[in-house]
Amino acid sequence: MGWKIAASIPGVEEGAGAGGLVFGFLTTATLMPAGGRFSAGITVNLCGEVELGVMIGRDVAADADLETAAASVDAVGVALEIVDVYQAGAMHEVVASNLFHRAVAFGPTRRDANPKSVTARLKTDGQTVSTKTVEVDPARTVWTMARLVGAVDQQLRAGDWILGGSLIHQPIAADHEVTAVLDGFGDVSLKVDP
């Protein structure tokens, strides 16, 4: 159902190239409904990430220009990703773990928005634990992702979601509700069960 970009992962910067960017995938197997329950189970270092989700409205070729990438953006919105950032020994282990991905939930989207910056907040049980204002560029996110997946003979398809990298990355604990907020877009929550 889509893709995720990541950077600044220990063990990745040294060998990734492409500015330290790597990518993973999103499937319905880890898609959670907004307000759903995620079971932590056996995890090592569970973290919540506030993300800007970008939905593609048309196929995008690997060699598409930035204008074509911009025209493909159908909607943007808030997403909450759950990752388990255990210590990996090498870049191939990070990539094999799908960049530590465990779950994702998408919140409200807007079709009329082309934000240049967003204010992100991560909340635990309704209390804000982190706030950050971050520059974003949905068109460049699509353009970058098209090139990354094109390098492995894949293509962005209409209906794909892209997580463009965590705006906030914060450790979380089981038995709490975690909420990702993007001012002007809304919020999305998951209850993290033990």
N, C-alpha and C. Protein backbone atom coordinates (compact mmCIF):
# COMPACT_ATOMS: atom_id res chain seq x y z
N MET A 1 0.81 -1.21 0.00
CA MET A 1 0.00 0.00 0.00
C MET A 1 0.84 1.26 0.00
N GLY A 2 2.17 1.09 -0.03
CA GLY A 2 3.01 2.27 -0.10
C GLY A 2 4.42 2.04 0.39
N TRP A 3 5.07 3.15 0.73
CA TRP A 3 6.51 3.15 1.00
C TRP A 3 6.84 4.09 2.13
N LYS A 4 8.04 3.94 2.69
CA LYS A 4 8.53 4.85 3.71
C LYS A 4 9.99 5.16 3.45
N ILE A 5 10.35 6.41 3.67
CA ILE A 5 11.73 6.87 3.55
C ILE A 5 12.28 7.05 4.96
N ALA A 6 13.54 6.73 5.13
CA ALA A 6 14.18 6.96 6.42
C ALA A 6 15.61 7.44 6.22
N ALA A 7 16.07 8.20 7.19
CA ALA A 7 17.45 8.67 7.22
C ALA A 7 17.86 8.74 8.69
N SER A 8 19.12 8.98 8.92
CA SER A 8 19.63 9.14 10.28
C SER A 8 19.38 7.91 11.15
N ILE A 9 19.52 6.73 10.57
CA ILE A 9 19.41 5.49 11.33
C ILE A 9 20.82 4.99 11.60
N PRO A 10 21.16 4.68 12.85
CA PRO A 10 22.50 4.17 13.12
C PRO A 10 22.82 2.96 12.24
N GLY A 11 24.00 2.99 11.63
CA GLY A 11 24.41 1.90 10.75
C GLY A 11 24.04 2.12 9.31
N VAL A 12 23.17 3.12 9.05
CA VAL A 12 22.73 3.39 7.68
C VAL A 12 23.60 4.44 7.02
N GLU A 13 23.91 5.51 7.74
CA GLU A 13 24.62 6.63 7.14
C GLU A 13 25.93 6.20 6.49
N GLU A 14 26.62 5.24 7.13
CA GLU A 14 27.95 4.85 6.65
C GLU A 14 27.92 4.15 5.31
N GLY A 15 26.84 3.44 5.00
CA GLY A 15 26.87 2.62 3.79
C GLY A 15 25.73 2.81 2.83
N ALA A 16 24.82 3.77 3.10
CA ALA A 16 23.62 3.85 2.29
C ALA A 16 23.82 4.60 0.99
N GLY A 17 24.64 5.61 0.99
CA GLY A 17 24.70 6.47 -0.19
C GLY A 17 23.39 7.25 -0.30
N ALA A 18 23.15 7.86 -1.44
CA ALA A 18 21.92 8.62 -1.71
C ALA A 18 21.59 9.57 -0.57
N GLY A 19 22.62 10.17 0.02
CA GLY A 19 22.38 11.10 1.12
C GLY A 19 21.97 10.40 2.40
N GLY A 20 22.27 9.11 2.51
CA GLY A 20 21.91 8.37 3.70
C GLY A 20 20.48 7.89 3.73
N LEU A 21 19.76 8.02 2.61
CA LEU A 21 18.36 7.60 2.57
C LEU A 21 18.23 6.12 2.26
N VAL A 22 17.31 5.48 2.93
CA VAL A 22 16.92 4.11 2.61
C VAL A 22 15.40 4.09 2.60
N PHE A 23 14.82 3.02 2.10
CA PHE A 23 13.36 2.97 2.07
C PHE A 23 12.86 1.59 2.44
N GLY A 24 11.64 1.58 2.95
CA GLY A 24 10.94 0.35 3.28
C GLY A 24 9.57 0.39 2.63
N PHE A 25 8.73 -0.55 3.02
CA PHE A 25 7.41 -0.67 2.39
C PHE A 25 6.31 -0.70 3.45
N LEU A 26 5.11 -0.39 3.02
CA LEU A 26 3.92 -0.44 3.86
C LEU A 26 2.95 -1.44 3.24
N THR A 27 2.39 -2.30 4.07
CA THR A 27 1.38 -3.25 3.59
C THR A 27 0.17 -3.20 4.51
N THR A 28 -0.91 -3.78 4.05
CA THR A 28 -2.11 -3.82 4.89
C THR A 28 -1.91 -4.67 6.14
N ALA A 29 -0.88 -5.51 6.16
CA ALA A 29 -0.62 -6.35 7.33
C ALA A 29 -0.29 -5.53 8.58
N THR A 30 0.27 -4.34 8.40
CA THR A 30 0.63 -3.50 9.55
C THR A 30 -0.21 -2.22 9.62
N LEU A 31 -1.22 -2.12 8.77
CA LEU A 31 -2.12 -0.96 8.81
C LEU A 31 -3.09 -1.12 9.97
N MET A 32 -3.16 -0.09 10.81
CA MET A 32 -4.07 -0.10 11.95
C MET A 32 -5.14 0.96 11.74
N PRO A 33 -6.37 0.70 12.18
CA PRO A 33 -7.39 1.75 12.09
C PRO A 33 -7.10 2.84 13.12
N ALA A 34 -7.43 4.07 12.79
CA ALA A 34 -7.30 5.16 13.76
C ALA A 34 -8.08 4.79 15.01
N GLY A 35 -7.43 4.96 16.16
CA GLY A 35 -8.06 4.59 17.43
C GLY A 35 -7.93 3.12 17.77
N GLY A 36 -7.23 2.36 16.93
CA GLY A 36 -7.08 0.92 17.15
C GLY A 36 -6.08 0.59 18.25
N ARG A 37 -5.87 -0.71 18.43
CA ARG A 37 -4.99 -1.20 19.48
C ARG A 37 -3.82 -1.95 18.86
N PHE A 38 -2.62 -1.56 19.26
CA PHE A 38 -1.39 -2.20 18.81
C PHE A 38 -0.83 -3.00 19.97
N SER A 39 -0.53 -4.27 19.74
CA SER A 39 0.03 -5.12 20.79
C SER A 39 1.56 -5.07 20.73
N ALA A 40 2.17 -4.55 21.78
CA ALA A 40 3.62 -4.40 21.81
C ALA A 40 4.32 -5.75 21.77
N GLY A 41 3.76 -6.74 22.47
CA GLY A 41 4.37 -8.07 22.47
C GLY A 41 5.83 -8.01 22.87
N ILE A 42 6.66 -8.77 22.17
CA ILE A 42 8.09 -8.79 22.47
C ILE A 42 8.76 -7.72 21.62
N THR A 43 8.99 -6.59 22.22
CA THR A 43 9.68 -5.49 21.54
C THR A 43 10.82 -5.01 22.44
N VAL A 44 11.78 -4.33 21.83
CA VAL A 44 12.98 -3.92 22.55
C VAL A 44 12.97 -2.44 22.88
N ASN A 45 12.72 -1.61 21.88
CA ASN A 45 12.78 -0.16 22.07
C ASN A 45 11.68 0.47 21.22
N LEU A 46 10.47 0.41 21.74
CA LEU A 46 9.30 0.88 21.01
C LEU A 46 9.27 2.40 20.95
N CYS A 47 9.03 2.94 19.75
CA CYS A 47 8.98 4.39 19.55
C CYS A 47 7.77 4.75 18.70
N GLY A 48 7.24 5.92 18.95
CA GLY A 48 6.18 6.49 18.13
C GLY A 48 6.75 7.58 17.25
N GLU A 49 6.28 7.66 16.02
CA GLU A 49 6.77 8.67 15.09
C GLU A 49 5.59 9.42 14.47
N VAL A 50 5.68 10.74 14.53
CA VAL A 50 4.72 11.58 13.81
C VAL A 50 5.24 11.74 12.39
N GLU A 51 4.38 11.47 11.43
CA GLU A 51 4.78 11.52 10.01
C GLU A 51 3.78 12.35 9.21
N LEU A 52 4.28 12.94 8.14
CA LEU A 52 3.41 13.52 7.13
C LEU A 52 3.19 12.44 6.07
N GLY A 53 1.95 11.99 5.94
CA GLY A 53 1.62 11.00 4.92
C GLY A 53 1.25 11.69 3.62
N VAL A 54 1.77 11.19 2.52
CA VAL A 54 1.47 11.74 1.20
C VAL A 54 0.83 10.64 0.36
N MET A 55 -0.39 10.90 -0.15
CA MET A 55 -1.05 9.92 -1.02
C MET A 55 -0.88 10.32 -2.48
N ILE A 56 -0.55 9.32 -3.30
CA ILE A 56 -0.32 9.53 -4.73
C ILE A 56 -1.64 9.31 -5.48
N GLY A 57 -1.96 10.24 -6.38
CA GLY A 57 -3.20 10.13 -7.15
C GLY A 57 -3.01 9.55 -8.54
N ARG A 58 -1.75 9.42 -8.98
CA ARG A 58 -1.46 8.84 -10.29
C ARG A 58 -0.08 8.20 -10.26
N ASP A 59 0.17 7.27 -11.18
CA ASP A 59 1.48 6.61 -11.25
C ASP A 59 2.57 7.65 -11.48
N VAL A 60 3.75 7.39 -10.90
CA VAL A 60 4.90 8.29 -11.06
C VAL A 60 6.10 7.46 -11.47
N ALA A 61 6.65 7.74 -12.63
CA ALA A 61 7.82 7.02 -13.13
C ALA A 61 9.07 7.46 -12.38
N ALA A 62 10.08 6.59 -12.39
CA ALA A 62 11.34 6.88 -11.69
C ALA A 62 12.03 8.12 -12.23
N ASP A 63 11.84 8.42 -13.50
CA ASP A 63 12.51 9.57 -14.10
C ASP A 63 11.61 10.82 -14.16
N ALA A 64 10.52 10.82 -13.43
CA ALA A 64 9.60 11.96 -13.43
C ALA A 64 10.31 13.20 -12.90
N ASP A 65 9.92 14.37 -13.43
CA ASP A 65 10.50 15.61 -12.91
C ASP A 65 9.69 16.08 -11.70
N LEU A 66 10.19 17.12 -11.06
CA LEU A 66 9.57 17.61 -9.83
C LEU A 66 8.15 18.12 -10.08
N GLU A 67 7.90 18.71 -11.21
CA GLU A 67 6.56 19.21 -11.53
C GLU A 67 5.57 18.05 -11.66
N THR A 68 5.98 16.97 -12.30
CA THR A 68 5.13 15.79 -12.42
C THR A 68 4.87 15.18 -11.05
N ALA A 69 5.91 15.13 -10.22
CA ALA A 69 5.75 14.60 -8.85
C ALA A 69 4.74 15.44 -8.08
N ALA A 70 4.83 16.77 -8.21
CA ALA A 70 3.91 17.66 -7.50
C ALA A 70 2.47 17.42 -7.96
N ALA A 71 2.28 17.23 -9.25
CA ALA A 71 0.93 17.02 -9.79
C ALA A 71 0.34 15.68 -9.36
N SER A 72 1.18 14.75 -8.93
CA SER A 72 0.69 13.43 -8.52
C SER A 72 0.18 13.40 -7.09
N VAL A 73 0.47 14.44 -6.31
CA VAL A 73 0.05 14.45 -4.90
C VAL A 73 -1.46 14.62 -4.83
N ASP A 74 -2.14 13.61 -4.30
CA ASP A 74 -3.59 13.63 -4.21
C ASP A 74 -4.05 14.21 -2.87
N ALA A 75 -3.34 13.87 -1.79
CA ALA A 75 -3.72 14.33 -0.45
C ALA A 75 -2.52 14.20 0.48
N VAL A 76 -2.53 15.00 1.53
CA VAL A 76 -1.52 14.89 2.58
C VAL A 76 -2.24 14.87 3.92
N GLY A 77 -1.62 14.24 4.90
CA GLY A 77 -2.25 14.16 6.21
C GLY A 77 -1.31 13.62 7.26
N VAL A 78 -1.84 13.48 8.44
CA VAL A 78 -1.06 13.02 9.59
C VAL A 78 -1.06 11.49 9.65
N ALA A 79 0.08 10.94 10.04
CA ALA A 79 0.20 9.49 10.26
C ALA A 79 0.99 9.25 11.53
N LEU A 80 0.70 8.13 12.16
CA LEU A 80 1.43 7.67 13.34
C LEU A 80 2.06 6.33 12.99
N GLU A 81 3.39 6.28 13.06
CA GLU A 81 4.09 5.02 12.82
C GLU A 81 4.66 4.51 14.14
N ILE A 82 4.55 3.21 14.34
CA ILE A 82 5.17 2.55 15.49
C ILE A 82 6.36 1.76 14.98
N VAL A 83 7.53 1.98 15.59
CA VAL A 83 8.74 1.27 15.21
C VAL A 83 9.37 0.65 16.46
N ASP A 84 10.12 -0.41 16.25
CA ASP A 84 10.87 -1.05 17.34
C ASP A 84 12.35 -0.93 16.99
N VAL A 85 13.00 0.08 17.53
CA VAL A 85 14.36 0.41 17.14
C VAL A 85 15.36 -0.37 18.00
N TYR A 86 15.45 -1.65 17.73
CA TYR A 86 16.44 -2.47 18.42
C TYR A 86 17.79 -2.25 17.77
N GLN A 87 18.85 -2.63 18.46
CA GLN A 87 20.20 -2.42 17.94
C GLN A 87 20.49 -3.42 16.82
N ALA A 88 20.71 -2.89 15.62
CA ALA A 88 21.06 -3.75 14.49
C ALA A 88 22.56 -3.65 14.25
N GLY A 89 23.14 -4.73 13.79
CA GLY A 89 24.59 -4.76 13.62
C GLY A 89 25.07 -4.16 12.32
N ALA A 90 24.24 -4.10 11.29
CA ALA A 90 24.70 -3.62 9.99
C ALA A 90 23.51 -3.08 9.20
N MET A 91 23.84 -2.33 8.16
CA MET A 91 22.79 -1.71 7.35
C MET A 91 21.83 -2.75 6.77
N HIS A 92 22.36 -3.89 6.30
CA HIS A 92 21.46 -4.88 5.69
C HIS A 92 20.46 -5.41 6.71
N GLU A 93 20.81 -5.43 8.00
CA GLU A 93 19.86 -5.88 9.02
C GLU A 93 18.76 -4.84 9.24
N VAL A 94 19.14 -3.56 9.17
CA VAL A 94 18.15 -2.49 9.30
C VAL A 94 17.16 -2.57 8.14
N VAL A 95 17.68 -2.72 6.94
CA VAL A 95 16.83 -2.81 5.76
C VAL A 95 15.96 -4.07 5.83
N ALA A 96 16.54 -5.19 6.23
CA ALA A 96 15.79 -6.44 6.34
C ALA A 96 14.66 -6.35 7.37
N SER A 97 14.82 -5.48 8.36
CA SER A 97 13.77 -5.31 9.38
C SER A 97 12.66 -4.38 8.89
N ASN A 98 12.75 -3.94 7.63
CA ASN A 98 11.83 -2.95 7.06
C ASN A 98 11.91 -1.64 7.85
N LEU A 99 13.15 -1.27 8.17
CA LEU A 99 13.44 -0.02 8.88
C LEU A 99 12.70 0.05 10.22
N PHE A 100 12.64 -1.10 10.90
CA PHE A 100 12.07 -1.22 12.24
C PHE A 100 10.55 -1.04 12.29
N HIS A 101 9.89 -0.99 11.14
CA HIS A 101 8.45 -0.74 11.07
C HIS A 101 7.64 -1.84 11.76
N ARG A 102 6.63 -1.42 12.54
CA ARG A 102 5.72 -2.38 13.17
C ARG A 102 4.27 -2.08 12.85
N ALA A 103 3.89 -0.81 12.76
CA ALA A 103 2.49 -0.47 12.48
C ALA A 103 2.39 0.96 12.00
N VAL A 104 1.28 1.26 11.32
CA VAL A 104 1.00 2.64 10.91
C VAL A 104 -0.51 2.86 10.94
N ALA A 105 -0.89 4.07 11.35
CA ALA A 105 -2.29 4.49 11.31
C ALA A 105 -2.34 5.87 10.67
N PHE A 106 -3.30 6.08 9.79
CA PHE A 106 -3.45 7.35 9.10
C PHE A 106 -4.63 8.12 9.67
N GLY A 107 -4.43 9.42 9.84
CA GLY A 107 -5.48 10.29 10.32
C GLY A 107 -6.09 11.08 9.18
N PRO A 108 -6.68 12.23 9.51
CA PRO A 108 -7.33 13.06 8.48
C PRO A 108 -6.35 13.51 7.41
N THR A 109 -6.87 13.67 6.19
CA THR A 109 -6.07 14.17 5.08
C THR A 109 -6.72 15.42 4.52
N ARG A 110 -5.91 16.17 3.77
CA ARG A 110 -6.42 17.35 3.06
C ARG A 110 -5.95 17.29 1.63
N ARG A 111 -6.86 17.61 0.72
CA ARG A 111 -6.52 17.64 -0.70
C ARG A 111 -6.12 19.03 -1.15
N ASP A 112 -6.42 20.03 -0.35
CA ASP A 112 -6.16 21.41 -0.73
C ASP A 112 -4.85 21.94 -0.16
N ALA A 113 -4.06 21.08 0.46
CA ALA A 113 -2.89 21.55 1.20
C ALA A 113 -1.59 21.24 0.46
N ASN A 114 -0.68 22.19 0.51
CA ASN A 114 0.68 21.99 0.03
C ASN A 114 1.62 22.66 1.03
N PRO A 115 1.74 22.04 2.21
CA PRO A 115 2.47 22.71 3.29
C PRO A 115 3.97 22.83 3.00
N LYS A 116 4.53 23.93 3.46
CA LYS A 116 5.99 24.12 3.41
C LYS A 116 6.62 23.81 4.76
N SER A 117 5.82 23.91 5.81
CA SER A 117 6.26 23.51 7.14
C SER A 117 5.03 23.06 7.92
N VAL A 118 5.26 22.23 8.93
CA VAL A 118 4.18 21.76 9.79
C VAL A 118 4.68 21.76 11.23
N THR A 119 3.74 21.95 12.14
CA THR A 119 4.06 21.78 13.55
C THR A 119 3.50 20.44 13.99
N ALA A 120 4.41 19.56 14.41
CA ALA A 120 4.07 18.19 14.81
C ALA A 120 4.11 18.07 16.33
N ARG A 121 3.22 17.25 16.85
CA ARG A 121 3.20 16.98 18.29
C ARG A 121 2.99 15.48 18.50
N LEU A 122 3.67 14.94 19.49
CA LEU A 122 3.41 13.57 19.92
C LEU A 122 2.87 13.64 21.34
N LYS A 123 1.75 12.97 21.56
CA LYS A 123 1.12 12.98 22.88
C LYS A 123 1.06 11.56 23.43
N THR A 124 1.17 11.46 24.72
CA THR A 124 0.94 10.21 25.44
C THR A 124 -0.17 10.45 26.44
N ASP A 125 -1.24 9.67 26.33
CA ASP A 125 -2.41 9.83 27.20
C ASP A 125 -2.88 11.28 27.26
N GLY A 126 -2.85 11.96 26.10
CA GLY A 126 -3.36 13.31 26.00
C GLY A 126 -2.37 14.40 26.37
N GLN A 127 -1.23 14.04 26.92
CA GLN A 127 -0.22 15.02 27.32
C GLN A 127 0.86 15.12 26.25
N THR A 128 1.16 16.33 25.80
CA THR A 128 2.19 16.53 24.78
C THR A 128 3.56 16.21 25.37
N VAL A 129 4.30 15.32 24.70
CA VAL A 129 5.64 14.95 25.15
C VAL A 129 6.72 15.50 24.22
N SER A 130 6.34 15.92 23.01
CA SER A 130 7.31 16.49 22.09
C SER A 130 6.58 17.34 21.05
N THR A 131 7.17 18.48 20.73
CA THR A 131 6.64 19.39 19.70
C THR A 131 7.79 19.85 18.83
N LYS A 132 7.55 19.93 17.54
CA LYS A 132 8.60 20.36 16.62
C LYS A 132 7.96 20.95 15.37
N THR A 133 8.50 22.07 14.90
CA THR A 133 8.09 22.63 13.61
C THR A 133 9.15 22.26 12.59
N VAL A 134 8.70 21.65 11.48
CA VAL A 134 9.61 21.04 10.51
C VAL A 134 9.24 21.49 9.11
N GLU A 135 10.24 21.78 8.29
CA GLU A 135 10.00 22.07 6.88
C GLU A 135 9.66 20.77 6.16
N VAL A 136 8.68 20.82 5.27
CA VAL A 136 8.27 19.65 4.50
C VAL A 136 8.08 20.06 3.04
N ASP A 137 8.11 19.08 2.17
CA ASP A 137 7.92 19.32 0.73
C ASP A 137 7.33 18.06 0.11
N PRO A 138 5.98 17.94 0.10
CA PRO A 138 5.35 16.72 -0.43
C PRO A 138 5.80 16.36 -1.83
N ALA A 139 5.97 17.35 -2.72
CA ALA A 139 6.38 17.06 -4.09
C ALA A 139 7.78 16.45 -4.13
N ARG A 140 8.70 17.01 -3.34
CA ARG A 140 10.06 16.47 -3.31
C ARG A 140 10.08 15.08 -2.68
N THR A 141 9.19 14.83 -1.71
CA THR A 141 9.08 13.50 -1.12
C THR A 141 8.72 12.47 -2.18
N VAL A 142 7.72 12.82 -3.01
CA VAL A 142 7.31 11.91 -4.09
C VAL A 142 8.45 11.72 -5.09
N TRP A 143 9.08 12.81 -5.49
CA TRP A 143 10.17 12.77 -6.46
C TRP A 143 11.31 11.88 -5.97
N THR A 144 11.67 12.04 -4.69
CA THR A 144 12.74 11.23 -4.10
C THR A 144 12.35 9.76 -4.04
N MET A 145 11.11 9.50 -3.60
CA MET A 145 10.66 8.12 -3.47
C MET A 145 10.59 7.44 -4.81
N ALA A 146 10.17 8.16 -5.85
CA ALA A 146 10.10 7.58 -7.20
C ALA A 146 11.47 7.09 -7.64
N ARG A 147 12.51 7.86 -7.35
CA ARG A 147 13.87 7.46 -7.72
C ARG A 147 14.37 6.28 -6.91
N LEU A 148 14.07 6.30 -5.61
CA LEU A 148 14.52 5.20 -4.76
C LEU A 148 13.90 3.87 -5.19
N VAL A 149 12.58 3.84 -5.38
CA VAL A 149 11.95 2.57 -5.76
C VAL A 149 12.28 2.20 -7.21
N GLY A 150 12.51 3.21 -8.04
CA GLY A 150 12.90 2.93 -9.42
C GLY A 150 14.22 2.21 -9.52
N ALA A 151 15.10 2.42 -8.55
CA ALA A 151 16.40 1.75 -8.55
C ALA A 151 16.28 0.24 -8.37
N VAL A 152 15.12 -0.22 -7.88
CA VAL A 152 14.89 -1.67 -7.73
C VAL A 152 13.72 -2.11 -8.61
N ASP A 153 13.55 -1.41 -9.73
CA ASP A 153 12.54 -1.76 -10.73
C ASP A 153 11.12 -1.76 -10.20
N GLN A 154 10.82 -0.83 -9.28
CA GLN A 154 9.46 -0.62 -8.80
C GLN A 154 9.01 0.77 -9.25
N GLN A 155 7.71 1.03 -9.12
CA GLN A 155 7.17 2.32 -9.51
C GLN A 155 6.09 2.74 -8.54
N LEU A 156 6.03 4.04 -8.26
CA LEU A 156 4.93 4.56 -7.46
C LEU A 156 3.64 4.42 -8.24
N ARG A 157 2.59 3.96 -7.56
CA ARG A 157 1.30 3.72 -8.21
C ARG A 157 0.22 4.57 -7.56
N ALA A 158 -0.77 4.91 -8.34
CA ALA A 158 -1.93 5.64 -7.82
C ALA A 158 -2.49 4.91 -6.62
N GLY A 159 -2.73 5.64 -5.54
CA GLY A 159 -3.24 5.04 -4.31
C GLY A 159 -2.17 4.73 -3.30
N ASP A 160 -0.88 4.76 -3.71
CA ASP A 160 0.21 4.53 -2.75
C ASP A 160 0.28 5.65 -1.73
N TRP A 161 0.65 5.27 -0.51
CA TRP A 161 0.99 6.22 0.54
C TRP A 161 2.51 6.27 0.65
N ILE A 162 3.01 7.43 1.01
CA ILE A 162 4.43 7.58 1.31
C ILE A 162 4.56 8.24 2.69
N LEU A 163 5.36 7.63 3.55
CA LEU A 163 5.78 8.28 4.79
C LEU A 163 7.16 8.87 4.51
N GLY A 164 7.27 10.18 4.59
CA GLY A 164 8.47 10.86 4.14
C GLY A 164 9.57 10.98 5.17
N GLY A 165 9.46 10.34 6.30
CA GLY A 165 10.47 10.41 7.36
C GLY A 165 9.86 10.99 8.62
N SER A 166 10.34 10.55 9.76
CA SER A 166 9.72 10.96 11.02
C SER A 166 9.97 12.44 11.30
N LEU A 167 8.91 13.14 11.65
CA LEU A 167 9.00 14.53 12.09
C LEU A 167 9.33 14.58 13.57
N ILE A 168 8.78 13.62 14.31
CA ILE A 168 9.12 13.41 15.72
C ILE A 168 9.31 11.92 15.92
N HIS A 169 10.34 11.55 16.65
CA HIS A 169 10.64 10.16 16.99
C HIS A 169 10.85 10.14 18.50
N GLN A 170 9.99 9.39 19.21
CA GLN A 170 10.01 9.43 20.67
C GLN A 170 9.73 8.04 21.25
N PRO A 171 10.52 7.60 22.24
CA PRO A 171 10.21 6.32 22.90
C PRO A 171 8.81 6.35 23.52
N ILE A 172 8.14 5.22 23.43
CA ILE A 172 6.81 5.09 24.02
C ILE A 172 6.77 3.80 24.83
N ALA A 173 5.78 3.70 25.70
CA ALA A 173 5.64 2.52 26.56
C ALA A 173 4.28 1.89 26.34
N ALA A 174 4.21 0.60 26.63
CA ALA A 174 2.94 -0.11 26.52
C ALA A 174 1.96 0.39 27.59
N ASP A 175 0.72 0.11 27.35
CA ASP A 175 -0.38 0.48 28.24
C ASP A 175 -0.64 1.99 28.26
N HIS A 176 -0.40 2.63 27.12
CA HIS A 176 -0.67 4.06 26.97
C HIS A 176 -1.29 4.32 25.60
N GLU A 177 -2.01 5.43 25.49
CA GLU A 177 -2.49 5.87 24.20
C GLU A 177 -1.49 6.87 23.63
N VAL A 178 -1.10 6.67 22.37
CA VAL A 178 -0.14 7.54 21.70
C VAL A 178 -0.86 8.25 20.57
N THR A 179 -0.64 9.57 20.46
CA THR A 179 -1.33 10.38 19.47
C THR A 179 -0.34 11.21 18.67
N ALA A 180 -0.46 11.15 17.36
CA ALA A 180 0.31 12.02 16.47
C ALA A 180 -0.60 13.16 16.03
N VAL A 181 -0.07 14.39 16.09
CA VAL A 181 -0.83 15.58 15.73
C VAL A 181 -0.03 16.39 14.72
N LEU A 182 -0.70 16.85 13.68
CA LEU A 182 -0.15 17.88 12.80
C LEU A 182 -1.11 19.05 12.83
N ASP A 183 -0.65 20.18 13.33
CA ASP A 183 -1.52 21.36 13.41
C ASP A 183 -2.07 21.67 12.02
N GLY A 184 -3.36 21.89 11.95
CA GLY A 184 -4.00 22.19 10.68
C GLY A 184 -4.48 20.96 9.93
N PHE A 185 -4.08 19.77 10.40
CA PHE A 185 -4.48 18.52 9.74
C PHE A 185 -5.30 17.62 10.66
N GLY A 186 -5.03 17.65 11.95
CA GLY A 186 -5.74 16.80 12.87
C GLY A 186 -4.81 15.83 13.57
N ASP A 187 -5.37 14.74 14.06
CA ASP A 187 -4.58 13.78 14.83
C ASP A 187 -5.04 12.36 14.58
N VAL A 188 -4.19 11.43 15.01
CA VAL A 188 -4.50 10.01 14.93
C VAL A 188 -3.85 9.32 16.12
N SER A 189 -4.60 8.40 16.72
CA SER A 189 -4.14 7.74 17.95
C SER A 189 -4.15 6.23 17.82
N LEU A 190 -3.28 5.59 18.58
CA LEU A 190 -3.30 4.15 18.80
C LEU A 190 -3.12 3.87 20.28
N LYS A 191 -3.83 2.87 20.77
CA LYS A 191 -3.63 2.40 22.14
C LYS A 191 -2.59 1.30 22.06
N VAL A 192 -1.52 1.42 22.84
CA VAL A 192 -0.43 0.44 22.82
C VAL A 192 -0.66 -0.51 23.99
N ASP A 193 -1.01 -1.74 23.67
CA ASP A 193 -1.24 -2.77 24.70
C ASP A 193 0.06 -3.52 24.98
N PRO A 194 0.19 -4.05 26.20
CA PRO A 194 1.39 -4.84 26.52
C PRO A 194 1.51 -6.06 25.63
